[in-house]
Amino acid sequence: MTADLTLHIQTTSNDTDTLGKHMRQLVQLRWLAVLGQFLTIIVTHFGFGVDLPMQVMLTVLAGLVVFNALNEIALRFRHQVRNAELFMGLLVDMSTLTMQLYLSGGATNPFVFLYLLQVGLAAVLLAQSYAWVLLGLATMCFLWLAEAAQPLDLPHDYHLGIKSYYVEGMLICFVLNAALLVVFINRINRTHREHDARLAELRQRAAEEEHILRMGLLASGAAHELGTPLATIAVILGDWQRMSFLKSDPDLGEEVTEMETQVKRCKAIVSGILLSAGETRGESSGETTVCEFFDELIEEWQDTRKVREFRFQNLFGEDIDIASDIVLKQTICNLLDNALEASPDWVELVVLRENDALLVRVIDRGPGFTDDVFSRLGQPYQSTKGRPGSGLGLFLVFNVARILGGQVGAGNRLEGGAEISLRLPLEALRLKEV
């Protein structure tokens, strides 16, 4: 339910962004229309010697400039765009075109076919009802121009073919209509493709978050159930440690000690799950520093894992305060565990600071990633281990990084092995005041 609500909110926001892109493209197209009308008026009046009411036509054009400038300012201040605003914008464009045609020959003006461009844009940008309304208005404007406007005093030279002023005007109008439709519709299609890709990404993210929610519920339930058997095993192992026969068998005593260590590790994991679920008294993260956080993490990790050679480089520099977050600790431990399974003999952890971000690099000398794993990296149950249920470690790492506003990178090293890098903004790691 939460994932569906999040998807709905993000999809609505995405639709609003798409309308904003459509409005920006319409504003850009309107600037081209202003320039085209200005040049057409100037060339027709001074170049062809056609007597036009220059002052009135330029006043109408200035009004279109003011209207488009207001739209530009609204977009710069992230004004939320609605379908009705797109419709009003096209309506203003049609009204301006109608006034210019009325002052320059009415329905006999070859540029009357620009109505088709505006109706076509309405069909692409707006809902069907808006497009039909605009088509009806364009038809009424054409009929009004045919009845009310005065034709220009031009020679009837249609027989001259391409040398006719009217035919040349129709040619320019045709090329202009076709070119603008091609450019604008291609941009609209690109915007729709981006919208569809973004929607698919949001659906995938919602599915992943729902998957994580189910895993969290299962983990919380399992933590409750594991508490009792782990406590029983710990008591039994404590009794064994006091038995005399272990003193005469050092190997068996060492194994019992290792079992106690692993039981403590299991209990710590269970406590961590319950702590993350808010079921203990520690409801907020404690404060620590980057260096202290990694020193404690490395000490705990080495005590509970068998690694032949582990190398840790702390190149962070000046220490800063962060929250002691158990989720972040588990995330980095997941990276180290994956590296240890791929390379039991050697693992390296490097901590760096790049500008305002924490960079964690985990390096191993294993076989590296295959191309198939690379193509699905970060998806659940995608692993080279070949065990049922494996492949969740990197999936959780990717999701934690995304929630914190970070990034995860992976690659194979030229000298052999693989490297996983986790980049997190330091601001997201600071302890938030309650």
Protein backbone atom coordinates (compact mmCIF):
# COMPACT_ATOMS: atom_id res chain seq x y z
CA MET A 1 0.00 0.00 0.00
CA THR A 2 2.81 2.42 0.90
CA ALA A 3 4.68 1.58 -2.30
CA ASP A 4 1.51 2.16 -4.37
CA LEU A 5 0.92 5.54 -2.69
CA THR A 6 4.53 6.58 -3.26
CA LEU A 7 4.31 5.52 -6.91
CA HIS A 8 1.07 7.51 -7.31
CA ILE A 9 2.61 10.67 -5.82
CA GLN A 10 5.78 10.36 -7.90
CA THR A 11 3.79 9.62 -11.06
CA THR A 12 1.63 12.70 -10.49
CA SER A 13 4.78 14.78 -10.02
CA ASN A 14 6.22 13.25 -13.17
CA ASP A 15 3.07 14.17 -15.16
CA THR A 16 3.41 17.75 -13.92
CA ASP A 17 7.04 17.81 -15.07
CA THR A 18 5.92 16.60 -18.51
CA LEU A 19 3.38 19.43 -18.78
CA GLY A 20 6.14 21.83 -17.77
CA LYS A 21 8.33 20.54 -20.60
CA HIS A 22 5.44 20.94 -23.04
CA MET A 23 4.94 24.53 -21.90
CA ARG A 24 8.66 25.28 -22.33
CA GLN A 25 8.58 23.90 -25.86
CA LEU A 26 5.46 25.95 -26.62
CA VAL A 27 7.17 29.09 -25.31
CA GLN A 28 10.19 28.40 -27.51
CA LEU A 29 7.93 27.83 -30.52
CA ARG A 30 6.09 31.09 -29.77
CA TRP A 31 9.38 33.03 -29.83
CA LEU A 32 9.99 31.58 -33.30
CA ALA A 33 6.47 32.61 -34.28
CA VAL A 34 7.11 36.18 -33.06
CA LEU A 35 10.29 36.39 -35.09
CA GLY A 36 8.59 34.90 -38.14
CA GLN A 37 5.64 37.29 -37.96
CA PHE A 38 7.92 40.29 -37.55
CA LEU A 39 10.06 39.35 -40.55
CA THR A 40 6.99 38.56 -42.65
CA ILE A 41 5.40 41.93 -41.87
CA ILE A 42 8.60 43.84 -42.63
CA VAL A 43 9.41 41.96 -45.85
CA THR A 44 5.82 42.13 -47.13
CA HIS A 45 5.44 45.84 -46.41
CA PHE A 46 8.84 47.13 -47.49
CA GLY A 47 10.02 44.38 -49.84
CA PHE A 48 6.86 43.62 -51.79
CA GLY A 49 5.31 47.06 -51.39
CA VAL A 50 2.09 45.75 -49.84
CA ASP A 51 0.30 48.41 -47.82
CA LEU A 52 -0.21 46.98 -44.30
CA PRO A 53 -1.39 48.68 -41.07
CA MET A 54 2.07 48.42 -39.57
CA GLN A 55 1.35 50.16 -36.27
CA VAL A 56 -1.62 47.98 -35.37
CA MET A 57 0.05 44.73 -36.47
CA LEU A 58 3.20 45.47 -34.51
CA THR A 59 1.08 46.37 -31.46
CA VAL A 60 -0.63 42.96 -31.65
CA LEU A 61 2.79 41.36 -31.97
CA ALA A 62 4.06 43.29 -28.93
CA GLY A 63 1.14 41.93 -26.91
CA LEU A 64 2.18 38.38 -27.87
CA VAL A 65 5.74 39.20 -26.77
CA VAL A 66 4.52 40.38 -23.35
CA PHE A 67 2.34 37.28 -22.94
CA ASN A 68 5.21 34.94 -23.82
CA ALA A 69 7.60 36.80 -21.52
CA LEU A 70 5.18 36.30 -18.61
CA ASN A 71 5.06 32.58 -19.40
CA GLU A 72 8.85 32.48 -19.47
CA ILE A 73 9.06 34.14 -16.05
CA ALA A 74 6.48 31.76 -14.59
CA LEU A 75 8.48 28.76 -15.82
CA ARG A 76 11.71 30.12 -14.38
CA PHE A 77 10.05 30.33 -10.96
CA ARG A 78 8.94 26.68 -11.30
CA HIS A 79 5.30 27.53 -11.77
CA GLN A 80 3.15 24.40 -11.81
CA VAL A 81 1.66 23.96 -15.28
CA ARG A 82 -1.85 22.61 -15.91
CA ASN A 83 -3.64 21.49 -19.04
CA ALA A 84 -5.87 24.56 -18.95
CA GLU A 85 -2.79 26.83 -19.18
CA LEU A 86 -1.55 25.03 -22.28
CA PHE A 87 -5.01 25.44 -23.80
CA MET A 88 -5.07 29.16 -22.93
CA GLY A 89 -1.63 29.57 -24.47
CA LEU A 90 -2.77 28.03 -27.76
CA LEU A 91 -5.94 30.12 -27.59
CA VAL A 92 -3.87 33.32 -27.29
CA ASP A 93 -1.73 32.17 -30.24
CA MET A 94 -4.89 31.58 -32.32
CA SER A 95 -6.32 34.96 -31.34
CA THR A 96 -3.08 36.72 -32.31
CA LEU A 97 -2.95 34.89 -35.64
CA THR A 98 -6.60 35.80 -36.31
CA MET A 99 -5.96 39.49 -35.66
CA GLN A 100 -2.88 39.51 -37.90
CA LEU A 101 -4.79 37.74 -40.68
CA TYR A 102 -7.72 40.17 -40.30
CA LEU A 103 -5.32 43.08 -40.84
CA SER A 104 -3.62 41.45 -43.83
CA GLY A 105 -6.24 40.01 -46.15
CA GLY A 106 -8.32 37.68 -43.98
CA ALA A 107 -9.09 34.25 -45.43
CA THR A 108 -7.29 35.15 -48.68
CA ASN A 109 -3.96 35.38 -46.84
CA PRO A 110 -1.93 32.21 -47.62
CA PHE A 111 -0.79 32.05 -44.00
CA VAL A 112 -4.33 31.16 -42.93
CA PHE A 113 -3.21 27.51 -43.01
CA LEU A 114 -1.21 28.16 -39.81
CA TYR A 115 -4.47 27.31 -38.06
CA LEU A 116 -3.69 23.67 -38.90
CA LEU A 117 -0.42 23.90 -36.96
CA GLN A 118 -2.18 25.13 -33.84
CA VAL A 119 -4.89 22.48 -34.03
CA GLY A 120 -2.19 19.83 -34.57
CA LEU A 121 -0.30 21.02 -31.50
CA ALA A 122 -3.50 20.89 -29.46
CA ALA A 123 -4.09 17.31 -30.58
CA VAL A 124 -0.58 16.32 -29.44
CA LEU A 125 -0.35 18.31 -26.21
CA LEU A 126 -3.87 18.35 -24.80
CA ALA A 127 -6.76 16.05 -24.07
CA GLN A 128 -9.13 15.23 -26.90
CA SER A 129 -11.85 17.58 -25.64
CA TYR A 130 -9.49 20.58 -25.71
CA ALA A 131 -8.34 19.72 -29.24
CA TRP A 132 -11.94 19.56 -30.54
CA VAL A 133 -12.77 22.88 -28.90
CA LEU A 134 -9.73 24.50 -30.52
CA LEU A 135 -10.70 23.01 -33.89
CA GLY A 136 -14.18 24.50 -33.57
CA LEU A 137 -12.73 27.91 -32.67
CA ALA A 138 -10.32 27.79 -35.63
CA THR A 139 -13.23 27.04 -37.95
CA MET A 140 -15.23 29.95 -36.55
CA CYS A 141 -12.22 32.27 -36.91
CA PHE A 142 -11.81 31.22 -40.55
CA LEU A 143 -15.49 31.88 -41.28
CA TRP A 144 -15.30 35.26 -39.54
CA LEU A 145 -12.23 36.24 -41.57
CA ALA A 146 -13.97 35.22 -44.78
CA GLU A 147 -16.94 37.49 -43.98
CA ALA A 148 -15.42 40.44 -42.12
CA ALA A 149 -11.86 40.94 -43.39
CA GLN A 150 -10.99 42.99 -46.46
CA PRO A 151 -8.81 41.26 -49.07
CA LEU A 152 -5.50 42.92 -49.92
CA ASP A 153 -5.21 44.81 -53.18
CA LEU A 154 -2.93 42.32 -54.92
CA PRO A 155 -2.74 41.33 -58.59
CA HIS A 156 -4.44 38.05 -59.52
CA ASP A 157 -1.27 36.40 -60.80
CA TYR A 158 -2.01 32.77 -59.93
CA HIS A 159 -1.25 31.79 -63.54
CA LEU A 160 2.41 32.70 -62.98
CA GLY A 161 2.91 29.57 -60.87
CA ILE A 162 5.84 29.83 -58.47
CA LYS A 163 6.39 33.46 -59.52
CA SER A 164 3.02 34.40 -58.06
CA TYR A 165 3.13 36.22 -54.73
CA TYR A 166 0.19 34.17 -53.47
CA VAL A 167 1.76 30.84 -54.48
CA GLU A 168 5.06 31.85 -52.91
CA GLY A 169 3.22 32.73 -49.71
CA MET A 170 1.48 29.34 -49.72
CA LEU A 171 4.85 27.63 -50.27
CA ILE A 172 6.39 29.46 -47.33
CA CYS A 173 3.38 28.60 -45.17
CA PHE A 174 3.55 24.94 -46.18
CA VAL A 175 7.28 24.64 -45.46
CA LEU A 176 6.86 26.50 -42.18
CA ASN A 177 3.97 24.28 -41.07
CA ALA A 178 5.76 21.08 -42.01
CA ALA A 179 9.11 22.08 -40.44
CA LEU A 180 7.56 23.21 -37.16
CA LEU A 181 5.42 20.08 -36.94
CA VAL A 182 8.42 17.82 -37.50
CA VAL A 183 10.57 19.63 -34.93
CA PHE A 184 7.87 20.03 -32.31
CA ILE A 185 6.35 16.56 -32.60
CA ASN A 186 9.81 14.97 -32.39
CA ARG A 187 10.41 16.90 -29.18
CA ILE A 188 7.02 15.87 -27.81
CA ASN A 189 7.72 12.22 -28.63
CA ARG A 190 11.09 12.45 -26.89
CA THR A 191 9.41 13.94 -23.82
CA HIS A 192 6.86 11.11 -23.80
CA ARG A 193 9.62 8.50 -24.10
CA GLU A 194 11.46 10.07 -21.16
CA HIS A 195 8.19 10.10 -19.21
CA ASP A 196 7.58 6.41 -19.95
CA ALA A 197 11.14 5.50 -18.96
CA ARG A 198 10.81 7.46 -15.73
CA LEU A 199 7.47 5.78 -14.97
CA ALA A 200 8.99 2.34 -15.56
CA GLU A 201 11.83 3.24 -13.19
CA LEU A 202 9.34 4.36 -10.52
CA ARG A 203 7.41 1.12 -10.87
CA GLN A 204 10.60 -0.88 -10.51
CA ARG A 205 11.57 1.14 -7.45
CA ALA A 206 8.13 0.63 -5.90
CA ALA A 207 8.41 -3.11 -6.46
CA GLU A 208 11.87 -3.14 -4.85
CA GLU A 209 10.66 -1.14 -1.85
CA GLU A 210 7.73 -3.52 -1.42
CA HIS A 211 10.21 -6.42 -1.59
CA ILE A 212 12.35 -4.79 1.09
CA LEU A 213 9.27 -4.23 3.25
CA ARG A 214 8.38 -7.93 3.03
CA MET A 215 11.95 -8.91 3.90
CA GLY A 216 11.87 -6.54 6.87
CA LEU A 217 8.69 -8.12 8.21
CA LEU A 218 10.10 -11.62 7.76
CA ALA A 219 13.40 -10.62 9.39
CA SER A 220 11.62 -9.06 12.35
CA GLY A 221 9.53 -12.20 12.86
CA ALA A 222 12.56 -14.44 12.50
CA ALA A 223 14.46 -12.33 15.04
CA HIS A 224 11.74 -12.94 17.62
CA GLU A 225 11.78 -16.67 16.99
CA LEU A 226 15.59 -16.99 16.97
CA GLY A 227 16.05 -15.28 20.33
CA THR A 228 15.09 -18.30 22.44
CA PRO A 229 17.11 -21.02 20.62
CA LEU A 230 20.19 -18.78 20.51
CA ALA A 231 19.95 -18.14 24.24
CA THR A 232 19.63 -21.90 24.85
CA ILE A 233 22.69 -22.66 22.70
CA ALA A 234 24.68 -19.97 24.53
CA VAL A 235 23.82 -21.54 27.91
CA ILE A 236 24.81 -25.02 26.71
CA LEU A 237 28.13 -23.77 25.32
CA GLY A 238 28.81 -21.97 28.62
CA ASP A 239 28.25 -25.25 30.48
CA TRP A 240 30.60 -27.05 28.10
CA GLN A 241 33.33 -24.52 28.73
CA ARG A 242 33.34 -25.49 32.42
CA MET A 243 33.66 -29.23 31.69
CA SER A 244 37.04 -30.83 32.43
CA PHE A 245 37.27 -32.90 29.25
CA LEU A 246 37.70 -29.73 27.15
CA LYS A 247 40.99 -28.98 28.95
CA SER A 248 42.42 -32.27 27.70
CA ASP A 249 41.29 -31.64 24.09
CA PRO A 250 42.55 -28.20 22.92
CA ASP A 251 41.10 -28.61 19.41
CA LEU A 252 37.63 -29.29 20.74
CA GLY A 253 37.95 -26.39 23.17
CA GLU A 254 38.92 -24.08 20.30
CA GLU A 255 35.90 -25.20 18.31
CA VAL A 256 33.57 -24.58 21.25
CA THR A 257 35.08 -21.10 21.66
CA GLU A 258 34.50 -20.43 17.94
CA MET A 259 30.90 -21.62 18.32
CA GLU A 260 30.40 -19.19 21.20
CA THR A 261 31.79 -16.38 19.04
CA GLN A 262 29.42 -17.18 16.21
CA VAL A 263 26.45 -17.44 18.58
CA LYS A 264 27.31 -13.98 19.93
CA ARG A 265 27.47 -12.74 16.36
CA CYS A 266 24.01 -14.21 15.64
CA LYS A 267 22.61 -12.59 18.78
CA ALA A 268 24.13 -9.25 17.73
CA ILE A 269 22.50 -9.58 14.30
CA VAL A 270 19.15 -10.37 15.91
CA SER A 271 19.50 -7.40 18.26
CA GLY A 272 20.38 -5.20 15.30
CA ILE A 273 17.23 -6.27 13.46
CA LEU A 274 15.07 -5.53 16.47
CA LEU A 275 16.86 -2.22 17.03
CA SER A 276 16.23 -1.19 13.43
CA ALA A 277 12.57 -2.11 13.88
CA GLY A 278 12.38 0.18 16.93
CA GLU A 279 11.65 -2.60 19.41
CA THR A 280 14.36 -1.78 21.95
CA ARG A 281 14.96 1.22 24.15
CA GLY A 282 17.64 2.59 21.80
CA GLU A 283 15.22 4.41 19.54
CA SER A 284 17.75 6.85 18.06
CA SER A 285 21.23 6.51 16.67
CA GLY A 286 24.17 7.52 18.79
CA GLU A 287 26.81 10.04 17.80
CA THR A 288 30.26 8.99 16.65
CA THR A 289 32.89 10.07 14.14
CA VAL A 290 33.88 8.63 10.80
CA CYS A 291 37.17 7.23 12.09
CA GLU A 292 35.63 5.78 15.27
CA PHE A 293 32.78 4.28 13.26
CA PHE A 294 35.13 2.42 10.92
CA ASP A 295 37.54 1.39 13.68
CA GLU A 296 34.68 -0.25 15.60
CA LEU A 297 33.24 -1.78 12.45
CA ILE A 298 36.57 -3.30 11.39
CA GLU A 299 37.28 -4.65 14.87
CA GLU A 300 33.86 -6.28 15.09
CA TRP A 301 34.07 -7.64 11.53
CA GLN A 302 37.50 -9.18 12.02
CA ASP A 303 36.47 -10.76 15.34
CA THR A 304 33.55 -12.60 13.71
CA ARG A 305 35.07 -13.54 10.33
CA LYS A 306 38.05 -15.61 9.33
CA VAL A 307 40.16 -13.61 6.90
CA ARG A 308 43.82 -14.46 6.27
CA GLU A 309 44.94 -10.98 5.26
CA PHE A 310 42.88 -7.83 5.73
CA ARG A 311 44.12 -4.38 4.77
CA PHE A 312 42.43 -1.20 5.98
CA GLN A 313 43.41 2.29 4.79
CA ASN A 314 41.79 5.30 6.43
CA LEU A 315 42.53 8.24 4.12
CA PHE A 316 39.53 10.31 5.22
CA GLY A 317 41.52 13.15 6.71
CA GLU A 318 40.03 15.50 9.28
CA ASP A 319 37.48 13.58 11.34
CA ILE A 320 33.83 14.72 11.52
CA ASP A 321 30.81 13.72 13.59
CA ILE A 322 28.25 11.33 12.07
CA ALA A 323 25.42 9.13 13.32
CA SER A 324 26.31 5.61 14.46
CA ASP A 325 23.81 4.00 12.12
CA ILE A 326 23.40 0.23 12.26
CA VAL A 327 21.99 0.19 8.72
CA LEU A 328 25.15 1.80 7.37
CA LYS A 329 27.25 -0.68 9.36
CA GLN A 330 25.34 -3.62 7.89
CA THR A 331 25.67 -2.14 4.41
CA ILE A 332 29.47 -1.96 4.60
CA CYS A 333 29.64 -5.39 6.25
CA ASN A 334 27.66 -6.78 3.32
CA LEU A 335 30.29 -5.42 0.94
CA LEU A 336 33.10 -6.91 3.04
CA ASP A 337 31.32 -10.27 3.31
CA ASN A 338 30.87 -10.46 -0.45
CA ALA A 339 34.54 -9.65 -0.97
CA LEU A 340 35.56 -12.25 1.61
CA GLU A 341 33.53 -14.98 -0.09
CA ALA A 342 35.11 -14.13 -3.45
CA SER A 343 38.62 -13.74 -2.02
CA PRO A 344 39.20 -15.55 1.33
CA ASP A 345 42.94 -14.80 1.27
CA TRP A 346 42.90 -11.02 0.86
CA VAL A 347 40.43 -8.15 1.31
CA GLU A 348 41.06 -4.42 1.38
CA LEU A 349 38.91 -1.55 2.65
CA VAL A 350 39.76 2.07 1.77
CA VAL A 351 37.93 5.07 3.25
CA LEU A 352 38.30 8.42 1.49
CA ARG A 353 36.76 11.86 1.47
CA GLU A 354 35.92 13.48 -1.85
CA ASN A 355 34.58 17.01 -1.41
CA ASP A 356 31.39 16.60 0.64
CA ALA A 357 31.06 12.84 0.20
CA LEU A 358 32.31 9.72 1.94
CA LEU A 359 33.85 7.19 -0.45
CA VAL A 360 34.18 3.56 0.67
CA ARG A 361 36.11 1.18 -1.58
CA VAL A 362 36.10 -2.60 -1.02
CA ILE A 363 38.67 -4.53 -3.08
CA ASP A 364 39.25 -8.25 -3.45
CA ARG A 365 41.41 -10.62 -5.50
CA GLY A 366 38.62 -12.96 -6.57
CA PRO A 367 37.46 -13.93 -10.07
CA GLY A 368 35.64 -10.61 -10.60
CA PHE A 369 32.21 -9.94 -12.07
CA THR A 370 30.93 -11.61 -15.20
CA ASP A 371 29.13 -9.63 -17.91
CA ASP A 372 25.85 -11.28 -16.95
CA VAL A 373 26.20 -10.17 -13.32
CA PHE A 374 27.13 -6.63 -14.41
CA SER A 375 23.94 -6.28 -16.46
CA ARG A 376 21.78 -7.13 -13.40
CA LEU A 377 23.90 -5.70 -10.61
CA GLY A 378 21.79 -4.46 -7.71
CA GLN A 379 18.76 -6.62 -8.50
CA PRO A 380 17.56 -9.11 -5.87
CA TYR A 381 18.73 -12.73 -6.05
CA GLN A 382 21.40 -11.98 -8.65
CA SER A 383 24.56 -13.70 -7.44
CA THR A 384 27.45 -15.84 -8.62
CA LYS A 385 27.26 -18.02 -5.48
CA GLY A 386 24.65 -20.38 -6.92
CA ARG A 387 22.81 -20.77 -3.60
CA PRO A 388 19.05 -20.31 -3.19
CA GLY A 389 18.24 -16.94 -1.59
CA SER A 390 21.70 -15.46 -2.21
CA GLY A 391 22.23 -12.17 -3.96
CA LEU A 392 20.45 -9.90 -1.47
CA GLY A 393 23.58 -8.19 -0.12
CA LEU A 394 24.25 -5.90 -3.08
CA PHE A 395 20.51 -5.38 -3.56
CA LEU A 396 20.28 -3.92 -0.05
CA VAL A 397 23.48 -1.90 -0.58
CA PHE A 398 22.03 -0.28 -3.72
CA ASN A 399 18.79 0.58 -1.97
CA VAL A 400 20.47 2.05 1.11
CA ALA A 401 22.70 4.15 -1.15
CA ARG A 402 19.68 5.39 -3.09
CA ILE A 403 17.79 6.31 0.10
CA LEU A 404 20.79 8.26 1.40
CA GLY A 405 21.30 9.99 -1.94
CA GLY A 406 24.51 8.10 -2.74
CA GLN A 407 25.85 5.95 -5.55
CA VAL A 408 27.27 2.46 -5.92
CA GLY A 409 29.93 1.60 -8.49
CA ALA A 410 31.42 -1.74 -9.46
CA GLY A 411 34.19 -2.88 -11.73
CA ASN A 412 36.86 -5.46 -12.40
CA ARG A 413 40.48 -4.54 -11.76
CA LEU A 414 43.17 -4.93 -14.41
CA GLU A 415 45.44 -6.76 -11.96
CA GLY A 416 42.62 -9.15 -11.06
CA GLY A 417 39.75 -9.11 -8.63
CA ALA A 418 36.87 -6.71 -8.28
CA GLU A 419 36.12 -3.40 -6.60
CA ILE A 420 32.87 -2.03 -5.18
CA SER A 421 32.69 1.66 -4.32
CA LEU A 422 30.04 3.29 -2.15
CA ARG A 423 29.73 7.08 -2.30
CA LEU A 424 27.50 8.77 0.30
CA PRO A 425 26.92 12.49 0.98
CA LEU A 426 28.26 13.43 4.41
CA GLU A 427 25.18 15.54 5.11
CA ALA A 428 23.03 12.39 4.99
CA LEU A 429 25.27 10.69 7.60
CA ARG A 430 25.12 13.43 10.21
CA LEU A 431 23.10 12.87 13.35
CA LYS A 432 19.70 14.56 13.01
CA GLU A 433 18.49 16.51 16.01
CA VAL A 434 15.12 15.31 17.33
